[in-house]
Amino acid sequence: MTEQDAYIQKMEAEQREATARFREIEAQAELADNEETLDVLTGVRGFNDDVNRELQALRRADQRDWERLKGGAENARRRFHEHLDRAGTRWEELRAAYRRQREAEVRELSAQVDRWEAARRRATAEDSLLTREELDFIKRGLKNAGDLLNNLRHAHGHAWKTVREQYEANWRELMERSRRIRADSDVAAGSTAP
């Protein structure tokens, strides 16, 4: 085997390895359906073809053209590797950006679900609290109203007027507080629905 044959075989082996790397990046980019990477790879594909043409020319070259064609093949190989490295780096950047974007989307959705869950728990707790508060208040208010009505039954003159005013004030407060509690409960239930 001549020195030229050994050189060509070495170049071809390196080219097969580089082409395999290119095909791997190309396949990943196609799977990701990323046009930006596919555009970068189109340029790399052209440089790959240049190297293959230069290698074929080297195989056919006679001694006189050997050094000139060897330089051309070296330049084509160097350009191909530079573009291949650039395409690989660009693909890694795109993959990392895609991953970061998906991670951010997952975190955002997770935060949204956490907010929904917190709102649901808060609404449940508020409903429970309001229900207890409303019931306790209404029970106390109704007991007071009953006591005042009982006192009203036995009161006469000025005492009757005073008890009646107390009863009416108690009843208004009971109705107003009940209305406010129900309104707050309705607003809270409406605002927490996801």
N, C-alpha and C. Protein backbone atom coordinates (compact mmCIF):
# COMPACT_ATOMS: atom_id res chain seq x y z
N MET A 1 0.85 -1.17 0.00
CA MET A 1 0.00 0.00 0.00
C MET A 1 0.90 1.24 0.00
N THR A 2 0.55 2.15 -0.86
CA THR A 2 1.37 3.36 -0.98
C THR A 2 0.97 4.34 0.12
N GLU A 3 1.81 5.35 0.29
CA GLU A 3 1.52 6.40 1.27
C GLU A 3 0.22 7.12 0.91
N GLN A 4 0.00 7.30 -0.38
CA GLN A 4 -1.21 7.97 -0.83
C GLN A 4 -2.45 7.13 -0.49
N ASP A 5 -2.37 5.81 -0.73
CA ASP A 5 -3.49 4.93 -0.41
C ASP A 5 -3.79 4.95 1.09
N ALA A 6 -2.73 4.90 1.89
CA ALA A 6 -2.91 4.94 3.35
C ALA A 6 -3.55 6.25 3.78
N TYR A 7 -3.11 7.33 3.19
CA TYR A 7 -3.68 8.65 3.51
C TYR A 7 -5.16 8.69 3.15
N ILE A 8 -5.49 8.22 1.95
CA ILE A 8 -6.88 8.22 1.49
C ILE A 8 -7.75 7.36 2.40
N GLN A 9 -7.24 6.19 2.79
CA GLN A 9 -8.01 5.31 3.69
C GLN A 9 -8.24 5.99 5.04
N LYS A 10 -7.21 6.66 5.54
CA LYS A 10 -7.36 7.38 6.82
C LYS A 10 -8.41 8.48 6.68
N MET A 11 -8.34 9.25 5.59
CA MET A 11 -9.31 10.33 5.35
C MET A 11 -10.73 9.75 5.22
N GLU A 12 -10.85 8.66 4.51
CA GLU A 12 -12.17 8.05 4.32
C GLU A 12 -12.74 7.54 5.64
N ALA A 13 -11.89 6.95 6.49
CA ALA A 13 -12.34 6.46 7.79
C ALA A 13 -12.80 7.64 8.67
N GLU A 14 -12.01 8.73 8.66
CA GLU A 14 -12.41 9.91 9.41
C GLU A 14 -13.71 10.49 8.87
N GLN A 15 -13.84 10.46 7.54
CA GLN A 15 -15.04 11.00 6.92
C GLN A 15 -16.27 10.15 7.26
N ARG A 16 -16.11 8.83 7.29
CA ARG A 16 -17.23 7.95 7.66
C ARG A 16 -17.69 8.25 9.09
N GLU A 17 -16.70 8.45 9.98
CA GLU A 17 -17.02 8.77 11.37
C GLU A 17 -17.75 10.13 11.47
N ALA A 18 -17.23 11.12 10.75
CA ALA A 18 -17.86 12.44 10.76
C ALA A 18 -19.25 12.39 10.13
N THR A 19 -19.40 11.61 9.08
CA THR A 19 -20.71 11.49 8.42
C THR A 19 -21.71 10.81 9.35
N ALA A 20 -21.25 9.82 10.09
CA ALA A 20 -22.13 9.15 11.05
C ALA A 20 -22.58 10.13 12.12
N ARG A 21 -21.67 10.96 12.59
CA ARG A 21 -22.02 12.00 13.58
C ARG A 21 -23.04 12.97 12.98
N PHE A 22 -22.80 13.35 11.72
CA PHE A 22 -23.73 14.25 11.02
C PHE A 22 -25.11 13.62 10.92
N ARG A 23 -25.17 12.34 10.53
CA ARG A 23 -26.45 11.64 10.38
C ARG A 23 -27.20 11.56 11.72
N GLU A 24 -26.45 11.39 12.80
CA GLU A 24 -27.08 11.34 14.12
C GLU A 24 -27.71 12.69 14.47
N ILE A 25 -26.97 13.77 14.25
CA ILE A 25 -27.52 15.11 14.52
C ILE A 25 -28.71 15.37 13.61
N GLU A 26 -28.59 14.98 12.35
CA GLU A 26 -29.66 15.19 11.37
C GLU A 26 -30.93 14.43 11.79
N ALA A 27 -30.75 13.19 12.22
CA ALA A 27 -31.91 12.39 12.63
C ALA A 27 -32.59 13.00 13.86
N GLN A 28 -31.80 13.45 14.82
CA GLN A 28 -32.37 14.07 16.02
C GLN A 28 -33.12 15.34 15.66
N ALA A 29 -32.53 16.15 14.76
CA ALA A 29 -33.17 17.39 14.36
C ALA A 29 -34.48 17.11 13.63
N GLU A 30 -34.49 16.08 12.79
CA GLU A 30 -35.72 15.73 12.07
C GLU A 30 -36.79 15.23 13.04
N LEU A 31 -36.36 14.45 14.04
CA LEU A 31 -37.31 13.98 15.04
C LEU A 31 -37.90 15.14 15.83
N ALA A 32 -37.06 16.13 16.10
CA ALA A 32 -37.52 17.30 16.85
C ALA A 32 -38.30 18.25 15.95
N ASP A 33 -38.23 18.02 14.63
CA ASP A 33 -38.94 18.86 13.66
C ASP A 33 -38.57 20.33 13.87
N ASN A 34 -37.26 20.58 13.97
CA ASN A 34 -36.77 21.93 14.22
C ASN A 34 -36.16 22.47 12.94
N GLU A 35 -36.86 23.40 12.31
CA GLU A 35 -36.43 23.92 11.01
C GLU A 35 -35.10 24.65 11.11
N GLU A 36 -34.87 25.34 12.23
CA GLU A 36 -33.63 26.09 12.38
C GLU A 36 -32.42 25.15 12.31
N THR A 37 -32.51 24.03 13.00
CA THR A 37 -31.41 23.06 12.95
C THR A 37 -31.32 22.42 11.58
N LEU A 38 -32.46 22.12 10.99
CA LEU A 38 -32.44 21.52 9.65
C LEU A 38 -31.78 22.47 8.65
N ASP A 39 -32.00 23.78 8.79
CA ASP A 39 -31.34 24.75 7.92
C ASP A 39 -29.82 24.71 8.12
N VAL A 40 -29.38 24.66 9.36
CA VAL A 40 -27.94 24.58 9.65
C VAL A 40 -27.37 23.31 9.05
N LEU A 41 -28.11 22.22 9.17
CA LEU A 41 -27.63 20.93 8.68
C LEU A 41 -27.57 20.89 7.15
N THR A 42 -28.43 21.66 6.49
CA THR A 42 -28.39 21.69 5.03
C THR A 42 -27.02 22.19 4.57
N GLY A 43 -26.49 23.21 5.23
CA GLY A 43 -25.15 23.71 4.91
C GLY A 43 -24.09 22.67 5.18
N VAL A 44 -24.23 21.96 6.29
CA VAL A 44 -23.25 20.93 6.65
C VAL A 44 -23.29 19.81 5.61
N ARG A 45 -24.47 19.47 5.15
CA ARG A 45 -24.62 18.41 4.14
C ARG A 45 -23.80 18.77 2.88
N GLY A 46 -23.86 20.04 2.50
CA GLY A 46 -23.09 20.48 1.34
C GLY A 46 -21.59 20.31 1.55
N PHE A 47 -21.11 20.64 2.76
CA PHE A 47 -19.68 20.47 3.05
C PHE A 47 -19.30 19.00 3.09
N ASN A 48 -20.20 18.15 3.55
CA ASN A 48 -19.96 16.71 3.54
C ASN A 48 -19.78 16.22 2.11
N ASP A 49 -20.65 16.69 1.22
CA ASP A 49 -20.55 16.32 -0.20
C ASP A 49 -19.23 16.81 -0.80
N ASP A 50 -18.80 18.02 -0.40
CA ASP A 50 -17.52 18.55 -0.89
C ASP A 50 -16.37 17.62 -0.50
N VAL A 51 -16.36 17.17 0.74
CA VAL A 51 -15.28 16.27 1.19
C VAL A 51 -15.30 14.99 0.39
N ASN A 52 -16.48 14.42 0.19
CA ASN A 52 -16.56 13.18 -0.59
C ASN A 52 -16.06 13.38 -2.02
N ARG A 53 -16.39 14.52 -2.65
CA ARG A 53 -15.90 14.79 -4.00
C ARG A 53 -14.37 14.92 -4.01
N GLU A 54 -13.84 15.61 -3.01
CA GLU A 54 -12.39 15.79 -2.94
C GLU A 54 -11.69 14.44 -2.74
N LEU A 55 -12.28 13.58 -1.92
CA LEU A 55 -11.69 12.25 -1.72
C LEU A 55 -11.71 11.44 -3.02
N GLN A 56 -12.79 11.52 -3.76
CA GLN A 56 -12.86 10.82 -5.06
C GLN A 56 -11.81 11.37 -6.02
N ALA A 57 -11.64 12.69 -6.00
CA ALA A 57 -10.62 13.30 -6.87
C ALA A 57 -9.24 12.83 -6.46
N LEU A 58 -8.99 12.69 -5.15
CA LEU A 58 -7.69 12.20 -4.68
C LEU A 58 -7.43 10.78 -5.18
N ARG A 59 -8.44 9.95 -5.16
CA ARG A 59 -8.28 8.57 -5.63
C ARG A 59 -7.86 8.53 -7.10
N ARG A 60 -8.38 9.47 -7.86
CA ARG A 60 -8.08 9.48 -9.30
C ARG A 60 -6.84 10.30 -9.65
N ALA A 61 -6.29 11.00 -8.67
CA ALA A 61 -5.20 11.95 -8.95
C ALA A 61 -3.90 11.22 -9.29
N ASP A 62 -3.18 11.84 -10.17
CA ASP A 62 -1.82 11.33 -10.42
C ASP A 62 -0.88 12.10 -9.50
N GLN A 63 0.39 11.74 -9.54
CA GLN A 63 1.38 12.30 -8.63
C GLN A 63 1.46 13.82 -8.73
N ARG A 64 1.32 14.34 -9.95
CA ARG A 64 1.43 15.78 -10.17
C ARG A 64 0.33 16.55 -9.43
N ASP A 65 -0.90 16.05 -9.49
CA ASP A 65 -2.03 16.75 -8.87
C ASP A 65 -2.23 16.38 -7.40
N TRP A 66 -1.50 15.40 -6.93
CA TRP A 66 -1.72 14.87 -5.58
C TRP A 66 -1.66 15.95 -4.50
N GLU A 67 -0.60 16.72 -4.44
CA GLU A 67 -0.44 17.72 -3.38
C GLU A 67 -1.53 18.79 -3.44
N ARG A 68 -1.87 19.24 -4.65
CA ARG A 68 -2.91 20.25 -4.81
C ARG A 68 -4.26 19.68 -4.34
N LEU A 69 -4.58 18.47 -4.77
CA LEU A 69 -5.86 17.85 -4.38
C LEU A 69 -5.87 17.49 -2.89
N LYS A 70 -4.71 17.11 -2.37
CA LYS A 70 -4.62 16.80 -0.94
C LYS A 70 -4.95 18.05 -0.13
N GLY A 71 -4.43 19.20 -0.51
CA GLY A 71 -4.73 20.47 0.16
C GLY A 71 -6.22 20.79 0.07
N GLY A 72 -6.80 20.58 -1.11
CA GLY A 72 -8.25 20.82 -1.28
C GLY A 72 -9.07 19.90 -0.39
N ALA A 73 -8.65 18.63 -0.31
CA ALA A 73 -9.38 17.67 0.53
C ALA A 73 -9.25 18.05 2.01
N GLU A 74 -8.06 18.48 2.40
CA GLU A 74 -7.85 18.91 3.79
C GLU A 74 -8.73 20.12 4.13
N ASN A 75 -8.77 21.09 3.20
CA ASN A 75 -9.61 22.27 3.42
C ASN A 75 -11.09 21.91 3.49
N ALA A 76 -11.53 21.02 2.60
CA ALA A 76 -12.93 20.60 2.60
C ALA A 76 -13.25 19.87 3.90
N ARG A 77 -12.33 18.99 4.33
CA ARG A 77 -12.54 18.25 5.58
C ARG A 77 -12.59 19.20 6.77
N ARG A 78 -11.68 20.19 6.79
CA ARG A 78 -11.66 21.16 7.89
C ARG A 78 -12.97 21.97 7.93
N ARG A 79 -13.41 22.44 6.76
CA ARG A 79 -14.67 23.21 6.71
C ARG A 79 -15.85 22.35 7.15
N PHE A 80 -15.86 21.10 6.70
CA PHE A 80 -16.95 20.19 7.10
C PHE A 80 -16.96 20.01 8.61
N HIS A 81 -15.80 19.75 9.20
CA HIS A 81 -15.73 19.54 10.65
C HIS A 81 -16.12 20.81 11.42
N GLU A 82 -15.70 21.97 10.92
CA GLU A 82 -16.09 23.22 11.58
C GLU A 82 -17.60 23.40 11.56
N HIS A 83 -18.18 23.18 10.39
CA HIS A 83 -19.63 23.32 10.29
C HIS A 83 -20.36 22.22 11.07
N LEU A 84 -19.80 21.03 11.07
CA LEU A 84 -20.39 19.95 11.83
C LEU A 84 -20.35 20.28 13.33
N ASP A 85 -19.22 20.80 13.80
CA ASP A 85 -19.12 21.21 15.20
C ASP A 85 -20.11 22.32 15.52
N ARG A 86 -20.23 23.28 14.61
CA ARG A 86 -21.17 24.38 14.79
C ARG A 86 -22.61 23.86 14.83
N ALA A 87 -22.92 22.93 13.92
CA ALA A 87 -24.27 22.36 13.89
C ALA A 87 -24.54 21.56 15.17
N GLY A 88 -23.54 20.81 15.61
CA GLY A 88 -23.71 20.04 16.86
C GLY A 88 -23.93 20.95 18.05
N THR A 89 -23.14 22.04 18.10
CA THR A 89 -23.30 23.00 19.20
C THR A 89 -24.67 23.66 19.13
N ARG A 90 -25.06 24.05 17.92
CA ARG A 90 -26.37 24.70 17.75
C ARG A 90 -27.50 23.74 18.15
N TRP A 91 -27.36 22.48 17.77
CA TRP A 91 -28.37 21.49 18.13
C TRP A 91 -28.45 21.32 19.64
N GLU A 92 -27.29 21.28 20.30
CA GLU A 92 -27.28 21.16 21.77
C GLU A 92 -27.94 22.38 22.41
N GLU A 93 -27.66 23.59 21.86
CA GLU A 93 -28.29 24.80 22.38
C GLU A 93 -29.81 24.73 22.21
N LEU A 94 -30.26 24.28 21.04
CA LEU A 94 -31.70 24.18 20.79
C LEU A 94 -32.34 23.14 21.70
N ARG A 95 -31.66 22.02 21.89
CA ARG A 95 -32.19 20.98 22.79
C ARG A 95 -32.29 21.52 24.21
N ALA A 96 -31.23 22.23 24.66
CA ALA A 96 -31.24 22.79 26.01
C ALA A 96 -32.34 23.83 26.16
N ALA A 97 -32.51 24.69 25.14
CA ALA A 97 -33.57 25.70 25.19
C ALA A 97 -34.95 25.03 25.21
N TYR A 98 -35.12 23.99 24.40
CA TYR A 98 -36.39 23.26 24.37
C TYR A 98 -36.67 22.65 25.74
N ARG A 99 -35.64 22.03 26.32
CA ARG A 99 -35.80 21.40 27.63
C ARG A 99 -36.15 22.45 28.69
N ARG A 100 -35.44 23.60 28.66
CA ARG A 100 -35.74 24.66 29.62
C ARG A 100 -37.17 25.18 29.45
N GLN A 101 -37.58 25.33 28.20
CA GLN A 101 -38.94 25.81 27.94
C GLN A 101 -39.97 24.81 28.46
N ARG A 102 -39.76 23.52 28.19
CA ARG A 102 -40.70 22.51 28.67
C ARG A 102 -40.69 22.45 30.21
N GLU A 103 -39.49 22.56 30.81
CA GLU A 103 -39.41 22.55 32.27
C GLU A 103 -40.17 23.75 32.84
N ALA A 104 -40.02 24.92 32.21
CA ALA A 104 -40.74 26.11 32.66
C ALA A 104 -42.25 25.91 32.52
N GLU A 105 -42.67 25.30 31.42
CA GLU A 105 -44.10 25.03 31.22
C GLU A 105 -44.62 24.09 32.29
N VAL A 106 -43.82 23.06 32.60
CA VAL A 106 -44.24 22.10 33.63
C VAL A 106 -44.32 22.79 34.99
N ARG A 107 -43.30 23.64 35.29
CA ARG A 107 -43.33 24.37 36.56
C ARG A 107 -44.54 25.31 36.62
N GLU A 108 -44.81 25.97 35.50
CA GLU A 108 -45.95 26.89 35.45
C GLU A 108 -47.26 26.14 35.67
N LEU A 109 -47.42 25.02 34.97
CA LEU A 109 -48.64 24.24 35.15
C LEU A 109 -48.74 23.69 36.57
N SER A 110 -47.61 23.25 37.11
CA SER A 110 -47.60 22.74 38.47
C SER A 110 -47.99 23.85 39.45
N ALA A 111 -47.47 25.06 39.24
CA ALA A 111 -47.83 26.19 40.10
C ALA A 111 -49.31 26.51 39.96
N GLN A 112 -49.81 26.43 38.73
CA GLN A 112 -51.23 26.71 38.50
C GLN A 112 -52.09 25.67 39.23
N VAL A 113 -51.70 24.40 39.13
CA VAL A 113 -52.44 23.35 39.83
C VAL A 113 -52.36 23.57 41.34
N ASP A 114 -51.16 23.97 41.82
CA ASP A 114 -51.02 24.26 43.26
C ASP A 114 -51.94 25.41 43.67
N ARG A 115 -52.03 26.45 42.80
CA ARG A 115 -52.92 27.57 43.10
C ARG A 115 -54.37 27.10 43.14
N TRP A 116 -54.75 26.27 42.17
CA TRP A 116 -56.12 25.74 42.15
C TRP A 116 -56.41 24.95 43.41
N GLU A 117 -55.43 24.11 43.77
CA GLU A 117 -55.61 23.28 44.96
C GLU A 117 -55.71 24.16 46.21
N ALA A 118 -54.84 25.17 46.30
CA ALA A 118 -54.89 26.09 47.45
C ALA A 118 -56.22 26.85 47.47
N ALA A 119 -56.68 27.29 46.30
CA ALA A 119 -57.95 28.02 46.23
C ALA A 119 -59.10 27.10 46.64
N ARG A 120 -59.04 25.85 46.18
CA ARG A 120 -60.09 24.90 46.55
C ARG A 120 -60.10 24.67 48.06
N ARG A 121 -58.90 24.49 48.62
CA ARG A 121 -58.81 24.26 50.07
C ARG A 121 -59.28 25.50 50.84
N ARG A 122 -58.86 26.68 50.35
CA ARG A 122 -59.27 27.92 51.01
C ARG A 122 -60.79 28.07 50.95
N ALA A 123 -61.35 27.80 49.76
CA ALA A 123 -62.80 27.93 49.60
C ALA A 123 -63.51 26.94 50.52
N THR A 124 -63.00 25.74 50.60
CA THR A 124 -63.60 24.74 51.48
C THR A 124 -63.51 25.20 52.93
N ALA A 125 -62.32 25.71 53.30
CA ALA A 125 -62.14 26.19 54.68
C ALA A 125 -63.03 27.39 54.95
N GLU A 126 -63.11 28.32 53.99
CA GLU A 126 -63.97 29.49 54.17
C GLU A 126 -65.43 29.08 54.24
N ASP A 127 -65.82 28.16 53.35
CA ASP A 127 -67.21 27.69 53.39
C ASP A 127 -67.51 27.06 54.75
N SER A 128 -66.58 26.27 55.22
CA SER A 128 -66.77 25.63 56.50
C SER A 128 -66.82 26.67 57.61
N LEU A 129 -65.89 27.63 57.58
CA LEU A 129 -65.85 28.68 58.59
C LEU A 129 -67.10 29.54 58.52
N LEU A 130 -67.48 29.94 57.31
CA LEU A 130 -68.67 30.78 57.16
C LEU A 130 -69.92 30.04 57.59
N THR A 131 -69.97 28.80 57.26
CA THR A 131 -71.13 28.01 57.65
C THR A 131 -71.22 27.95 59.17
N ARG A 132 -70.09 27.67 59.82
CA ARG A 132 -70.09 27.63 61.29
C ARG A 132 -70.40 29.00 61.86
N GLU A 133 -69.74 30.02 61.28
CA GLU A 133 -69.95 31.39 61.77
C GLU A 133 -71.41 31.80 61.57
N GLU A 134 -71.92 31.50 60.38
CA GLU A 134 -73.30 31.87 60.10
C GLU A 134 -74.25 31.13 61.05
N LEU A 135 -74.03 29.84 61.20
CA LEU A 135 -74.91 29.08 62.10
C LEU A 135 -74.81 29.56 63.54
N ASP A 136 -73.57 29.78 64.00
CA ASP A 136 -73.39 30.25 65.39
C ASP A 136 -74.06 31.60 65.58
N PHE A 137 -73.84 32.49 64.61
CA PHE A 137 -74.44 33.82 64.73
C PHE A 137 -75.96 33.75 64.68
N ILE A 138 -76.46 33.01 63.73
CA ILE A 138 -77.91 32.92 63.60
C ILE A 138 -78.52 32.26 64.84
N LYS A 139 -77.87 31.24 65.35
CA LYS A 139 -78.38 30.60 66.57
C LYS A 139 -78.41 31.59 67.73
N ARG A 140 -77.29 32.33 67.90
CA ARG A 140 -77.25 33.32 68.99
C ARG A 140 -78.30 34.41 68.75
N GLY A 141 -78.36 34.86 67.48
CA GLY A 141 -79.33 35.91 67.15
C GLY A 141 -80.77 35.46 67.37
N LEU A 142 -81.05 34.25 66.96
CA LEU A 142 -82.40 33.72 67.14
C LEU A 142 -82.72 33.52 68.63
N LYS A 143 -81.73 33.06 69.39
CA LYS A 143 -81.94 32.89 70.84
C LYS A 143 -82.21 34.25 71.47
N ASN A 144 -81.39 35.27 71.08
CA ASN A 144 -81.61 36.63 71.61
C ASN A 144 -82.99 37.14 71.20
N ALA A 145 -83.34 36.89 69.91
CA ALA A 145 -84.67 37.34 69.45
C ALA A 145 -85.76 36.66 70.26
N GLY A 146 -85.60 35.36 70.50
CA GLY A 146 -86.59 34.63 71.32
C GLY A 146 -86.67 35.18 72.72
N ASP A 147 -85.51 35.45 73.34
CA ASP A 147 -85.47 36.01 74.69
C ASP A 147 -86.13 37.40 74.71
N LEU A 148 -85.82 38.21 73.69
CA LEU A 148 -86.40 39.55 73.63
C LEU A 148 -87.91 39.48 73.41
N LEU A 149 -88.35 38.55 72.56
CA LEU A 149 -89.80 38.38 72.35
C LEU A 149 -90.48 37.94 73.66
N ASN A 150 -89.80 37.06 74.39
CA ASN A 150 -90.34 36.61 75.68
C ASN A 150 -90.41 37.80 76.64
N ASN A 151 -89.36 38.62 76.66
CA ASN A 151 -89.36 39.81 77.51
C ASN A 151 -90.43 40.79 77.05
N LEU A 152 -90.62 40.87 75.73
CA LEU A 152 -91.62 41.78 75.18
C LEU A 152 -93.03 41.39 75.64
N ARG A 153 -93.24 40.11 75.75
CA ARG A 153 -94.54 39.60 76.19
C ARG A 153 -94.86 40.07 77.61
N HIS A 154 -93.84 40.18 78.43
CA HIS A 154 -94.05 40.54 79.84
C HIS A 154 -93.82 42.02 80.11
N ALA A 155 -93.31 42.76 79.14
CA ALA A 155 -92.98 44.17 79.39
C ALA A 155 -94.19 45.06 79.16
N HIS A 156 -94.22 46.21 79.85
CA HIS A 156 -95.30 47.17 79.71
C HIS A 156 -94.71 48.57 79.66
N GLY A 157 -95.39 49.47 78.99
CA GLY A 157 -95.02 50.88 78.99
C GLY A 157 -93.66 51.13 78.35
N HIS A 158 -92.86 51.92 79.09
CA HIS A 158 -91.55 52.31 78.58
C HIS A 158 -90.65 51.08 78.39
N ALA A 159 -90.74 50.10 79.25
CA ALA A 159 -89.93 48.88 79.15
C ALA A 159 -90.27 48.13 77.86
N TRP A 160 -91.57 48.12 77.51
CA TRP A 160 -91.99 47.45 76.28
C TRP A 160 -91.34 48.11 75.07
N LYS A 161 -91.34 49.47 75.03
CA LYS A 161 -90.73 50.21 73.93
C LYS A 161 -89.25 49.91 73.83
N THR A 162 -88.57 49.86 74.95
CA THR A 162 -87.13 49.58 74.98
C THR A 162 -86.85 48.16 74.48
N VAL A 163 -87.62 47.21 74.94
CA VAL A 163 -87.42 45.80 74.52
C VAL A 163 -87.73 45.66 73.04
N ARG A 164 -88.79 46.34 72.57
CA ARG A 164 -89.13 46.29 71.14
C ARG A 164 -87.99 46.83 70.29
N GLU A 165 -87.39 47.97 70.70
CA GLU A 165 -86.26 48.55 69.97
C GLU A 165 -85.06 47.60 69.97
N GLN A 166 -84.85 46.96 71.12
CA GLN A 166 -83.76 45.98 71.20
C GLN A 166 -84.03 44.80 70.26
N TYR A 167 -85.26 44.34 70.25
CA TYR A 167 -85.64 43.23 69.38
C TYR A 167 -85.43 43.61 67.91
N GLU A 168 -85.94 44.78 67.50
CA GLU A 168 -85.82 45.21 66.10
C GLU A 168 -84.36 45.41 65.70
N ALA A 169 -83.57 45.99 66.60
CA ALA A 169 -82.13 46.17 66.31
C ALA A 169 -81.45 44.81 66.18
N ASN A 170 -81.79 43.90 67.08
CA ASN A 170 -81.22 42.54 67.01
C ASN A 170 -81.61 41.86 65.70
N TRP A 171 -82.86 42.00 65.30
CA TRP A 171 -83.34 41.37 64.08
C TRP A 171 -82.66 41.97 62.84
N ARG A 172 -82.54 43.30 62.79
CA ARG A 172 -81.85 43.95 61.66
C ARG A 172 -80.40 43.48 61.58
N GLU A 173 -79.73 43.45 62.73
CA GLU A 173 -78.33 43.00 62.75
C GLU A 173 -78.22 41.56 62.29
N LEU A 174 -79.14 40.74 62.75
CA LEU A 174 -79.17 39.33 62.36
C LEU A 174 -79.34 39.19 60.84
N MET A 175 -80.30 39.92 60.28
CA MET A 175 -80.56 39.85 58.84
C MET A 175 -79.39 40.43 58.04
N GLU A 176 -78.84 41.57 58.48
CA GLU A 176 -77.72 42.20 57.77
C GLU A 176 -76.48 41.30 57.80
N ARG A 177 -76.18 40.77 58.94
CA ARG A 177 -75.00 39.91 59.09
C ARG A 177 -75.19 38.64 58.25
N SER A 178 -76.36 38.09 58.27
CA SER A 178 -76.65 36.89 57.49
C SER A 178 -76.49 37.18 56.00
N ARG A 179 -77.02 38.33 55.55
CA ARG A 179 -76.90 38.72 54.14
C ARG A 179 -75.43 38.89 53.75
N ARG A 180 -74.63 39.56 54.62
CA ARG A 180 -73.20 39.77 54.34
C ARG A 180 -72.44 38.45 54.26
N ILE A 181 -72.72 37.57 55.18
CA ILE A 181 -72.04 36.27 55.19
C ILE A 181 -72.36 35.51 53.92
N ARG A 182 -73.61 35.50 53.52
CA ARG A 182 -73.99 34.81 52.29
C ARG A 182 -73.34 35.47 51.07
N ALA A 183 -73.31 36.80 51.03
CA ALA A 183 -72.69 37.51 49.90
C ALA A 183 -71.20 37.20 49.84
N ASP A 184 -70.50 37.21 50.98
CA ASP A 184 -69.08 36.89 51.00
C ASP A 184 -68.84 35.46 50.55
N SER A 185 -69.70 34.57 50.98
CA SER A 185 -69.57 33.17 50.60
C SER A 185 -69.76 33.00 49.10
N ASP A 186 -70.75 33.71 48.53
CA ASP A 186 -71.00 33.63 47.08
C ASP A 186 -69.82 34.20 46.29
N VAL A 187 -69.25 35.32 46.74
CA VAL A 187 -68.11 35.93 46.06
C VAL A 187 -66.91 35.00 46.13
N ALA A 188 -66.64 34.44 47.29
CA ALA A 188 -65.49 33.54 47.45
C ALA A 188 -65.65 32.31 46.58
N ALA A 189 -66.83 31.76 46.52
CA ALA A 189 -67.06 30.55 45.70
C ALA A 189 -66.90 30.89 44.23
N GLY A 190 -67.35 32.05 43.80
CA GLY A 190 -67.24 32.43 42.39
C GLY A 190 -65.82 32.75 41.98
N SER A 191 -65.01 33.30 42.88
CA SER A 191 -63.65 33.70 42.50
C SER A 191 -62.67 32.55 42.54
N THR A 192 -62.97 31.46 43.18
CA THR A 192 -62.01 30.37 43.29
C THR A 192 -62.20 29.31 42.24
N ALA A 193 -63.24 29.38 41.44
CA ALA A 193 -63.45 28.35 40.43
C ALA A 193 -62.37 28.45 39.37
N PRO A 194 -61.61 27.38 39.10
CA PRO A 194 -60.53 27.43 38.11
C PRO A 194 -61.09 27.49 36.71
